[in-house]
Amino acid sequence: MRTTLQGETVYYGTGSGSHAADAEAAAIVFVHGAGFDHSVWVMPARYFARHGLRVFAPDLPAHGRSGGAPLESIEAMADWVAALLRQEGVKSAVAVGHSMGSLICLALGNRHPHLVDKIALLGTALPMPVGPPLLQAAADNHHAAIDMANTWSHSFAGGLGAAQVPGLSNLNSGERWLERMQPGVYHADLAACNNFYGAEGEAGQVDVGDIPTLVIAGREDRMTPARAGLQLAAEIAQAATVELAGCGHAMLSEQPNQVLDALAEFVF
């Protein structure tokens, strides 16, 4: 689905659902991580669309099929998502985000609480620091940035090419996904994560009040370690947790069925 927001073209996936058929249906918005786009959400987007929800899986500015320049802060990204939802007639939605997208969903719940029914945070941490070597490689648009992040995002088995889909290498797929980025996008995303509420960031600074929240953590996550996600969950008033054994940061590709099961139970 294509629309225009703030003078720029915006693309968002609908899970092949028909928004026009039921404009009053419950809504769910999926927010991708750094360097990715809406296509990481194909499986859950289709599932929830087929269960009657209005699905929005946007490409953030300068990502995927959306135009414009990359936004420079998590707060700006959250405000952009809120503006898109309001423009599309959404009164409230379940917000689901992975990695950088999880920070955007936290900020969305904090800055626009009346727009958010529930929040699901996948592969999250607060703060979410990014190491100088990765930031510098991304600033240089060097492939080493992709190599580092992609390697650290996979579990031991995933790093060997294992996948639940026969014949698919999650490691190679992750690399190809990131190679589609425009120059400058990865650094903007990683810097936004690194700078979100600074090094002294605390959950209380992005208080989402009584919004029901789910944290899904991969026990082999080297990008946002499970302990960080669980600590964040402990500081949120209404937070449940799901831990995925043998799973890394790339949980949407490494354990898609388990992630979908957790989301379905939480949403419904």
C-alpha atoms as a PDB file:
ATOM      1  CA  MET A   1       0.000   0.000   0.000  1.00  0.00           C
ATOM      2  CA  ARG A   2       1.365   3.426  -0.942  1.00  0.00           C
ATOM      3  CA  THR A   3       0.420   6.758   0.536  1.00  0.00           C
ATOM      4  CA  THR A   4       1.991  10.182   1.051  1.00  0.00           C
ATOM      5  CA  LEU A   5       3.025  11.539   4.428  1.00  0.00           C
ATOM      6  CA  GLN A   6       4.780  14.840   5.082  1.00  0.00           C
ATOM      7  CA  GLY A   7       5.355  15.225   1.354  1.00  0.00           C
ATOM      8  CA  GLU A   8       7.107  11.878   0.878  1.00  0.00           C
ATOM      9  CA  THR A   9       6.000   8.515  -0.490  1.00  0.00           C
ATOM     10  CA  VAL A  10       5.351   5.907   2.197  1.00  0.00           C
ATOM     11  CA  TYR A  11       4.902   2.195   1.649  1.00  0.00           C
ATOM     12  CA  TYR A  12       3.381  -0.149   4.191  1.00  0.00           C
ATOM     13  CA  GLY A  13       2.505  -3.818   4.045  1.00  0.00           C
ATOM     14  CA  THR A  14      -1.034  -4.897   4.888  1.00  0.00           C
ATOM     15  CA  GLY A  15      -0.526  -8.647   5.131  1.00  0.00           C
ATOM     16  CA  SER A  16      -2.661  -8.818   1.975  1.00  0.00           C
ATOM     17  CA  GLY A  17      -5.591  -7.621   4.075  1.00  0.00           C
ATOM     18  CA  SER A  18      -8.267  -5.227   2.850  1.00  0.00           C
ATOM     19  CA  HIS A  19      -8.330  -2.067   4.962  1.00  0.00           C
ATOM     20  CA  ALA A  20     -11.265  -0.653   3.055  1.00  0.00           C
ATOM     21  CA  ALA A  21     -13.405  -3.678   3.898  1.00  0.00           C
ATOM     22  CA  ASP A  22     -13.476  -2.932   7.627  1.00  0.00           C
ATOM     23  CA  ALA A  23     -12.124   0.485   8.531  1.00  0.00           C
ATOM     24  CA  GLU A  24     -13.266   0.047  12.149  1.00  0.00           C
ATOM     25  CA  ALA A  25     -11.429  -3.254  12.745  1.00  0.00           C
ATOM     26  CA  ALA A  26      -8.728  -3.488  15.407  1.00  0.00           C
ATOM     27  CA  ALA A  27      -5.296  -2.483  14.121  1.00  0.00           C
ATOM     28  CA  ILE A  28      -1.741  -3.705  14.571  1.00  0.00           C
ATOM     29  CA  VAL A  29       1.442  -1.918  13.491  1.00  0.00           C
ATOM     30  CA  PHE A  30       4.763  -3.702  12.956  1.00  0.00           C
ATOM     31  CA  VAL A  31       7.957  -1.609  13.173  1.00  0.00           C
ATOM     32  CA  HIS A  32      11.148  -3.043  11.693  1.00  0.00           C
ATOM     33  CA  GLY A  33      14.676  -2.793  13.013  1.00  0.00           C
ATOM     34  CA  ALA A  34      17.773  -0.911  11.837  1.00  0.00           C
ATOM     35  CA  GLY A  35      18.482  -1.297   8.141  1.00  0.00           C
ATOM     36  CA  PHE A  36      15.497  -3.543   7.451  1.00  0.00           C
ATOM     37  CA  ASP A  37      12.022  -2.953   6.004  1.00  0.00           C
ATOM     38  CA  HIS A  38       8.442  -4.227   6.169  1.00  0.00           C
ATOM     39  CA  SER A  39       9.330  -7.567   4.563  1.00  0.00           C
ATOM     40  CA  VAL A  40      10.673  -8.977   7.857  1.00  0.00           C
ATOM     41  CA  TRP A  41       7.036  -9.065   9.036  1.00  0.00           C
ATOM     42  CA  VAL A  42       5.515 -11.068   6.164  1.00  0.00           C
ATOM     43  CA  MET A  43       4.495 -14.075   8.258  1.00  0.00           C
ATOM     44  CA  PRO A  44       2.912 -12.299  11.262  1.00  0.00           C
ATOM     45  CA  ALA A  45       1.410  -9.628   9.002  1.00  0.00           C
ATOM     46  CA  ARG A  46      -0.439 -12.232   6.959  1.00  0.00           C
ATOM     47  CA  TYR A  47      -1.534 -14.126  10.063  1.00  0.00           C
ATOM     48  CA  PHE A  48      -3.092 -11.127  11.776  1.00  0.00           C
ATOM     49  CA  ALA A  49      -4.647  -9.847   8.548  1.00  0.00           C
ATOM     50  CA  ARG A  50      -6.343 -13.216   8.123  1.00  0.00           C
ATOM     51  CA  HIS A  51      -7.634 -12.982  11.672  1.00  0.00           C
ATOM     52  CA  GLY A  52      -9.434  -9.721  11.012  1.00  0.00           C
ATOM     53  CA  LEU A  53      -6.956  -7.039  12.058  1.00  0.00           C
ATOM     54  CA  ARG A  54      -5.970  -4.016   9.994  1.00  0.00           C
ATOM     55  CA  VAL A  55      -2.251  -4.529   9.481  1.00  0.00           C
ATOM     56  CA  PHE A  56       0.293  -1.745   9.015  1.00  0.00           C
ATOM     57  CA  ALA A  57       3.913  -2.742   8.427  1.00  0.00           C
ATOM     58  CA  PRO A  58       5.554   0.484   7.230  1.00  0.00           C
ATOM     59  CA  ASP A  59       8.907   1.024   5.640  1.00  0.00           C
ATOM     60  CA  LEU A  60      10.394   3.841   7.706  1.00  0.00           C
ATOM     61  CA  PRO A  61      11.614   6.874   5.707  1.00  0.00           C
ATOM     62  CA  ALA A  62      14.475   5.963   3.324  1.00  0.00           C
ATOM     63  CA  HIS A  63      13.917   2.252   3.991  1.00  0.00           C
ATOM     64  CA  GLY A  64      12.502  -0.263   1.558  1.00  0.00           C
ATOM     65  CA  ARG A  65      10.007   1.422  -0.769  1.00  0.00           C
ATOM     66  CA  SER A  66       9.525   4.598   1.285  1.00  0.00           C
ATOM     67  CA  GLY A  67      11.077   7.871   0.196  1.00  0.00           C
ATOM     68  CA  GLY A  68      12.598  10.707   2.169  1.00  0.00           C
ATOM     69  CA  ALA A  69      15.673  10.895   4.346  1.00  0.00           C
ATOM     70  CA  PRO A  70      16.321   8.646   7.363  1.00  0.00           C
ATOM     71  CA  LEU A  71      15.033  10.099  10.620  1.00  0.00           C
ATOM     72  CA  GLU A  72      17.724  10.904  13.139  1.00  0.00           C
ATOM     73  CA  SER A  73      16.104   9.980  16.442  1.00  0.00           C
ATOM     74  CA  ILE A  74      13.863   7.297  17.915  1.00  0.00           C
ATOM     75  CA  GLU A  75      11.480  10.005  19.090  1.00  0.00           C
ATOM     76  CA  ALA A  76      11.132  11.351  15.539  1.00  0.00           C
ATOM     77  CA  MET A  77      10.469   7.834  14.246  1.00  0.00           C
ATOM     78  CA  ALA A  78       7.771   7.285  16.886  1.00  0.00           C
ATOM     79  CA  ASP A  79       6.093  10.570  15.979  1.00  0.00           C
ATOM     80  CA  TRP A  80       6.253   9.584  12.309  1.00  0.00           C
ATOM     81  CA  VAL A  81       4.549   6.236  13.006  1.00  0.00           C
ATOM     82  CA  ALA A  82       1.884   8.053  15.034  1.00  0.00           C
ATOM     83  CA  ALA A  83       1.309  10.499  12.185  1.00  0.00           C
ATOM     84  CA  LEU A  84       0.965   7.648   9.686  1.00  0.00           C
ATOM     85  CA  LEU A  85      -1.554   5.784  11.840  1.00  0.00           C
ATOM     86  CA  ARG A  86      -3.652   8.887  12.429  1.00  0.00           C
ATOM     87  CA  GLN A  87      -3.583   9.758   8.739  1.00  0.00           C
ATOM     88  CA  GLU A  88      -4.818   6.256   7.920  1.00  0.00           C
ATOM     89  CA  GLY A  89      -7.707   6.604  10.347  1.00  0.00           C
ATOM     90  CA  VAL A  90      -6.367   4.387  13.123  1.00  0.00           C
ATOM     91  CA  LYS A  91      -7.687   5.335  16.560  1.00  0.00           C
ATOM     92  CA  SER A  92      -5.515   2.829  18.456  1.00  0.00           C
ATOM     93  CA  ALA A  93      -3.328  -0.163  17.633  1.00  0.00           C
ATOM     94  CA  VAL A  94      -1.190  -2.944  19.019  1.00  0.00           C
ATOM     95  CA  ALA A  95       2.436  -1.877  18.444  1.00  0.00           C
ATOM     96  CA  VAL A  96       5.012  -4.576  17.684  1.00  0.00           C
ATOM     97  CA  GLY A  97       8.672  -3.721  17.172  1.00  0.00           C
ATOM     98  CA  HIS A  98      11.927  -5.601  16.704  1.00  0.00           C
ATOM     99  CA  SER A  99      15.277  -4.195  17.885  1.00  0.00           C
ATOM    100  CA  MET A 100      15.274  -0.500  16.867  1.00  0.00           C
ATOM    101  CA  GLY A 101      11.564  -0.970  16.234  1.00  0.00           C
ATOM    102  CA  SER A 102      11.104  -1.960  19.880  1.00  0.00           C
ATOM    103  CA  LEU A 103      12.526   1.401  20.969  1.00  0.00           C
ATOM    104  CA  ILE A 104      10.183   3.130  18.539  1.00  0.00           C
ATOM    105  CA  CYS A 105       7.226   1.269  20.052  1.00  0.00           C
ATOM    106  CA  LEU A 106       8.349   2.227  23.565  1.00  0.00           C
ATOM    107  CA  ALA A 107       8.558   5.865  22.519  1.00  0.00           C
ATOM    108  CA  LEU A 108       5.196   5.561  20.760  1.00  0.00           C
ATOM    109  CA  GLY A 109       3.563   4.292  23.952  1.00  0.00           C
ATOM    110  CA  ASN A 110       5.254   7.009  25.969  1.00  0.00           C
ATOM    111  CA  ARG A 111       4.551   9.934  23.622  1.00  0.00           C
ATOM    112  CA  HIS A 112       1.200   8.827  22.170  1.00  0.00           C
ATOM    113  CA  PRO A 113      -0.344   6.554  24.837  1.00  0.00           C
ATOM    114  CA  HIS A 114      -3.911   6.938  23.594  1.00  0.00           C
ATOM    115  CA  LEU A 115      -2.833   5.508  20.257  1.00  0.00           C
ATOM    116  CA  VAL A 116      -1.437   2.267  21.720  1.00  0.00           C
ATOM    117  CA  ASP A 117      -3.461  -0.682  23.060  1.00  0.00           C
ATOM    118  CA  LYS A 118      -0.600  -3.112  23.678  1.00  0.00           C
ATOM    119  CA  ILE A 119       3.146  -3.208  23.019  1.00  0.00           C
ATOM    120  CA  ALA A 120       5.287  -6.189  22.000  1.00  0.00           C
ATOM    121  CA  LEU A 121       9.062  -5.727  22.183  1.00  0.00           C
ATOM    122  CA  LEU A 122      11.227  -8.244  20.317  1.00  0.00           C
ATOM    123  CA  GLY A 123      14.987  -8.305  20.845  1.00  0.00           C
ATOM    124  CA  THR A 124      14.935  -5.213  23.030  1.00  0.00           C
ATOM    125  CA  ALA A 125      17.166  -3.403  25.507  1.00  0.00           C
ATOM    126  CA  LEU A 126      17.185   0.016  27.123  1.00  0.00           C
ATOM    127  CA  PRO A 127      19.568   1.657  26.683  1.00  0.00           C
ATOM    128  CA  MET A 128      20.596   0.043  23.383  1.00  0.00           C
ATOM    129  CA  PRO A 129      24.269   0.985  22.986  1.00  0.00           C
ATOM    130  CA  VAL A 130      26.077   0.394  19.704  1.00  0.00           C
ATOM    131  CA  GLY A 131      29.820  -0.244  19.771  1.00  0.00           C
ATOM    132  CA  PRO A 132      32.166   2.301  18.132  1.00  0.00           C
ATOM    133  CA  PRO A 133      33.546  -0.183  15.541  1.00  0.00           C
ATOM    134  CA  LEU A 134      30.037  -0.923  14.250  1.00  0.00           C
ATOM    135  CA  LEU A 135      29.062   2.759  14.260  1.00  0.00           C
ATOM    136  CA  GLN A 136      32.226   3.758  12.408  1.00  0.00           C
ATOM    137  CA  ALA A 137      31.880   1.029   9.796  1.00  0.00           C
ATOM    138  CA  ALA A 138      28.275   2.091   9.210  1.00  0.00           C
ATOM    139  CA  ALA A 139      29.338   5.740   8.930  1.00  0.00           C
ATOM    140  CA  ASP A 140      31.832   4.676   6.259  1.00  0.00           C
ATOM    141  CA  ASN A 141      29.146   2.630   4.475  1.00  0.00           C
ATOM    142  CA  HIS A 142      31.562  -0.280   4.784  1.00  0.00           C
ATOM    143  CA  HIS A 143      30.323  -3.835   4.366  1.00  0.00           C
ATOM    144  CA  ALA A 144      32.026  -4.681   7.653  1.00  0.00           C
ATOM    145  CA  ALA A 145      29.050  -3.098   9.418  1.00  0.00           C
ATOM    146  CA  ILE A 146      26.720  -5.622   7.804  1.00  0.00           C
ATOM    147  CA  ASP A 147      29.132  -8.473   8.509  1.00  0.00           C
ATOM    148  CA  MET A 148      29.418  -7.592  12.195  1.00  0.00           C
ATOM    149  CA  ALA A 149      25.734  -7.014  12.868  1.00  0.00           C
ATOM    150  CA  ASN A 150      24.579  -9.998  10.847  1.00  0.00           C
ATOM    151  CA  THR A 151      27.021 -12.363  12.556  1.00  0.00           C
ATOM    152  CA  TRP A 152      26.132 -11.128  16.036  1.00  0.00           C
ATOM    153  CA  SER A 153      22.406 -11.364  15.261  1.00  0.00           C
ATOM    154  CA  HIS A 154      22.396 -15.132  14.833  1.00  0.00           C
ATOM    155  CA  SER A 155      22.579 -17.988  17.288  1.00  0.00           C
ATOM    156  CA  PHE A 156      25.335 -20.570  17.029  1.00  0.00           C
ATOM    157  CA  ALA A 157      23.154 -22.833  14.869  1.00  0.00           C
ATOM    158  CA  GLY A 158      21.915 -19.884  12.804  1.00  0.00           C
ATOM    159  CA  GLY A 159      25.489 -18.809  12.192  1.00  0.00           C
ATOM    160  CA  LEU A 160      26.120 -22.211  10.632  1.00  0.00           C
ATOM    161  CA  GLY A 161      23.237 -21.625   8.227  1.00  0.00           C
ATOM    162  CA  ALA A 162      20.513 -23.548  10.061  1.00  0.00           C
ATOM    163  CA  ALA A 163      16.907 -22.536   9.400  1.00  0.00           C
ATOM    164  CA  GLN A 164      13.407 -23.845  10.059  1.00  0.00           C
ATOM    165  CA  VAL A 165      12.731 -23.464   6.335  1.00  0.00           C
ATOM    166  CA  PRO A 166      14.500 -26.288   4.437  1.00  0.00           C
ATOM    167  CA  GLY A 167      17.166 -25.064   2.036  1.00  0.00           C
ATOM    168  CA  LEU A 168      17.298 -21.538   3.484  1.00  0.00           C
ATOM    169  CA  SER A 169      20.353 -20.014   5.166  1.00  0.00           C
ATOM    170  CA  ASN A 170      19.296 -17.448   7.758  1.00  0.00           C
ATOM    171  CA  LEU A 171      22.818 -16.030   7.853  1.00  0.00           C
ATOM    172  CA  ASN A 172      22.942 -15.425   4.107  1.00  0.00           C
ATOM    173  CA  SER A 173      19.376 -14.112   4.037  1.00  0.00           C
ATOM    174  CA  GLY A 174      20.167 -11.575   6.756  1.00  0.00           C
ATOM    175  CA  GLU A 175      23.174 -10.361   4.807  1.00  0.00           C
ATOM    176  CA  ARG A 176      21.174  -9.904   1.597  1.00  0.00           C
ATOM    177  CA  TRP A 177      18.451  -8.029   3.484  1.00  0.00           C
ATOM    178  CA  LEU A 178      20.926  -5.501   4.857  1.00  0.00           C
ATOM    179  CA  GLU A 179      22.730  -5.127   1.533  1.00  0.00           C
ATOM    180  CA  ARG A 180      19.578  -3.523   0.089  1.00  0.00           C
ATOM    181  CA  MET A 181      20.006  -0.427   2.280  1.00  0.00           C
ATOM    182  CA  GLN A 182      20.691   2.995   0.840  1.00  0.00           C
ATOM    183  CA  PRO A 183      24.006   4.624   1.865  1.00  0.00           C
ATOM    184  CA  GLY A 184      23.760   6.443   5.189  1.00  0.00           C
ATOM    185  CA  VAL A 185      20.658   4.630   6.399  1.00  0.00           C
ATOM    186  CA  TYR A 186      22.381   2.108   8.643  1.00  0.00           C
ATOM    187  CA  HIS A 187      24.471   4.695  10.428  1.00  0.00           C
ATOM    188  CA  ALA A 188      21.422   6.917  11.008  1.00  0.00           C
ATOM    189  CA  ASP A 189      19.511   3.984  12.489  1.00  0.00           C
ATOM    190  CA  LEU A 190      22.334   2.732  14.695  1.00  0.00           C
ATOM    191  CA  ALA A 191      23.135   6.236  15.933  1.00  0.00           C
ATOM    192  CA  ALA A 192      19.474   6.761  16.814  1.00  0.00           C
ATOM    193  CA  CYS A 193      19.506   3.550  18.875  1.00  0.00           C
ATOM    194  CA  ASN A 194      22.764   4.505  20.564  1.00  0.00           C
ATOM    195  CA  ASN A 195      21.537   7.988  21.433  1.00  0.00           C
ATOM    196  CA  PHE A 196      18.056   7.080  22.663  1.00  0.00           C
ATOM    197  CA  TYR A 197      17.860   8.612  26.146  1.00  0.00           C
ATOM    198  CA  GLY A 198      21.652   8.534  26.281  1.00  0.00           C
ATOM    199  CA  ALA A 199      23.934   6.201  28.165  1.00  0.00           C
ATOM    200  CA  GLU A 200      21.963   6.807  31.373  1.00  0.00           C
ATOM    201  CA  GLY A 201      18.686   5.626  29.815  1.00  0.00           C
ATOM    202  CA  GLU A 202      16.240   4.049  32.230  1.00  0.00           C
ATOM    203  CA  ALA A 203      12.873   2.414  31.665  1.00  0.00           C
ATOM    204  CA  GLY A 204      11.244   5.080  33.814  1.00  0.00           C
ATOM    205  CA  GLN A 205      12.161   7.691  31.224  1.00  0.00           C
ATOM    206  CA  VAL A 206       9.951   5.944  28.699  1.00  0.00           C
ATOM    207  CA  ASP A 207       7.200   4.957  31.102  1.00  0.00           C
ATOM    208  CA  VAL A 208       4.366   3.301  29.165  1.00  0.00           C
ATOM    209  CA  GLY A 209       2.112   3.302  32.192  1.00  0.00           C
ATOM    210  CA  ASP A 210      -0.435   0.509  32.316  1.00  0.00           C
ATOM    211  CA  ILE A 211      -0.167  -0.467  28.642  1.00  0.00           C
ATOM    212  CA  PRO A 212       0.092  -4.298  28.532  1.00  0.00           C
ATOM    213  CA  THR A 213       3.564  -5.190  27.255  1.00  0.00           C
ATOM    214  CA  LEU A 214       5.252  -8.361  26.034  1.00  0.00           C
ATOM    215  CA  VAL A 215       9.032  -8.812  25.838  1.00  0.00           C
ATOM    216  CA  ILE A 216      10.350 -11.649  23.649  1.00  0.00           C
ATOM    217  CA  ALA A 217      14.021 -12.422  24.257  1.00  0.00           C
ATOM    218  CA  GLY A 218      16.386 -14.806  22.493  1.00  0.00           C
ATOM    219  CA  ARG A 219      18.665 -16.605  24.928  1.00  0.00           C
ATOM    220  CA  GLU A 220      21.546 -16.539  22.395  1.00  0.00           C
ATOM    221  CA  ASP A 221      21.018 -12.876  21.441  1.00  0.00           C
ATOM    222  CA  ARG A 222      24.379 -11.101  21.266  1.00  0.00           C
ATOM    223  CA  MET A 223      22.990  -7.781  19.997  1.00  0.00           C
ATOM    224  CA  THR A 224      20.438  -7.194  22.773  1.00  0.00           C
ATOM    225  CA  PRO A 225      21.196  -9.863  25.395  1.00  0.00           C
ATOM    226  CA  ALA A 226      18.196 -11.588  26.960  1.00  0.00           C
ATOM    227  CA  ARG A 227      19.111 -10.281  30.409  1.00  0.00           C
ATOM    228  CA  ALA A 228      18.704  -6.706  29.139  1.00  0.00           C
ATOM    229  CA  GLY A 229      15.249  -7.385  27.757  1.00  0.00           C
ATOM    230  CA  LEU A 230      14.164  -9.164  30.926  1.00  0.00           C
ATOM    231  CA  GLN A 231      15.484  -6.312  33.064  1.00  0.00           C
ATOM    232  CA  LEU A 232      13.474  -3.848  30.995  1.00  0.00           C
ATOM    233  CA  ALA A 233      10.370  -6.015  31.397  1.00  0.00           C
ATOM    234  CA  ALA A 234      10.841  -6.001  35.164  1.00  0.00           C
ATOM    235  CA  GLU A 235      10.646  -2.197  35.128  1.00  0.00           C
ATOM    236  CA  ILE A 236       7.376  -2.044  33.161  1.00  0.00           C
ATOM    237  CA  ALA A 237       4.162  -2.180  35.158  1.00  0.00           C
ATOM    238  CA  GLN A 238       2.293  -4.728  33.033  1.00  0.00           C
ATOM    239  CA  ALA A 239       4.946  -6.789  31.264  1.00  0.00           C
ATOM    240  CA  ALA A 240       5.002 -10.466  30.385  1.00  0.00           C
ATOM    241  CA  THR A 241       8.063 -12.263  29.011  1.00  0.00           C
ATOM    242  CA  VAL A 242       8.809 -15.087  26.608  1.00  0.00           C
ATOM    243  CA  GLU A 243      12.322 -16.542  26.308  1.00  0.00           C
ATOM    244  CA  LEU A 244      13.316 -18.418  23.167  1.00  0.00           C
ATOM    245  CA  ALA A 245      15.933 -21.124  23.761  1.00  0.00           C
ATOM    246  CA  GLY A 246      18.604 -21.480  21.085  1.00  0.00           C
ATOM    247  CA  CYS A 247      17.544 -18.225  19.414  1.00  0.00           C
ATOM    248  CA  GLY A 248      19.534 -15.131  18.551  1.00  0.00           C
ATOM    249  CA  HIS A 249      18.573 -11.554  17.757  1.00  0.00           C
ATOM    250  CA  ALA A 250      17.270 -12.548  14.318  1.00  0.00           C
ATOM    251  CA  MET A 251      14.295 -14.265  15.938  1.00  0.00           C
ATOM    252  CA  LEU A 252      11.866 -13.421  13.117  1.00  0.00           C
ATOM    253  CA  SER A 253      13.834 -15.680  10.802  1.00  0.00           C
ATOM    254  CA  GLU A 254      15.395 -18.126  13.278  1.00  0.00           C
ATOM    255  CA  GLN A 255      12.197 -19.014  15.171  1.00  0.00           C
ATOM    256  CA  PRO A 256       9.280 -17.478  13.235  1.00  0.00           C
ATOM    257  CA  ASN A 257       6.697 -19.974  14.468  1.00  0.00           C
ATOM    258  CA  GLN A 258       7.578 -19.499  18.128  1.00  0.00           C
ATOM    259  CA  VAL A 259       7.507 -15.705  17.755  1.00  0.00           C
ATOM    260  CA  LEU A 260       4.129 -15.842  16.025  1.00  0.00           C
ATOM    261  CA  ASP A 261       2.707 -18.122  18.720  1.00  0.00           C
ATOM    262  CA  ALA A 262       3.811 -15.697  21.433  1.00  0.00           C
ATOM    263  CA  LEU A 263       2.390 -12.697  19.563  1.00  0.00           C
ATOM    264  CA  ALA A 264      -0.926 -14.408  18.844  1.00  0.00           C
ATOM    265  CA  GLU A 265      -1.397 -15.382  22.490  1.00  0.00           C
ATOM    266  CA  PHE A 266      -0.551 -11.832  23.590  1.00  0.00           C
ATOM    267  CA  VAL A 267      -2.692  -9.984  21.045  1.00  0.00           C
ATOM    268  CA  PHE A 268      -5.782 -12.168  21.357  1.00  0.00           C
END
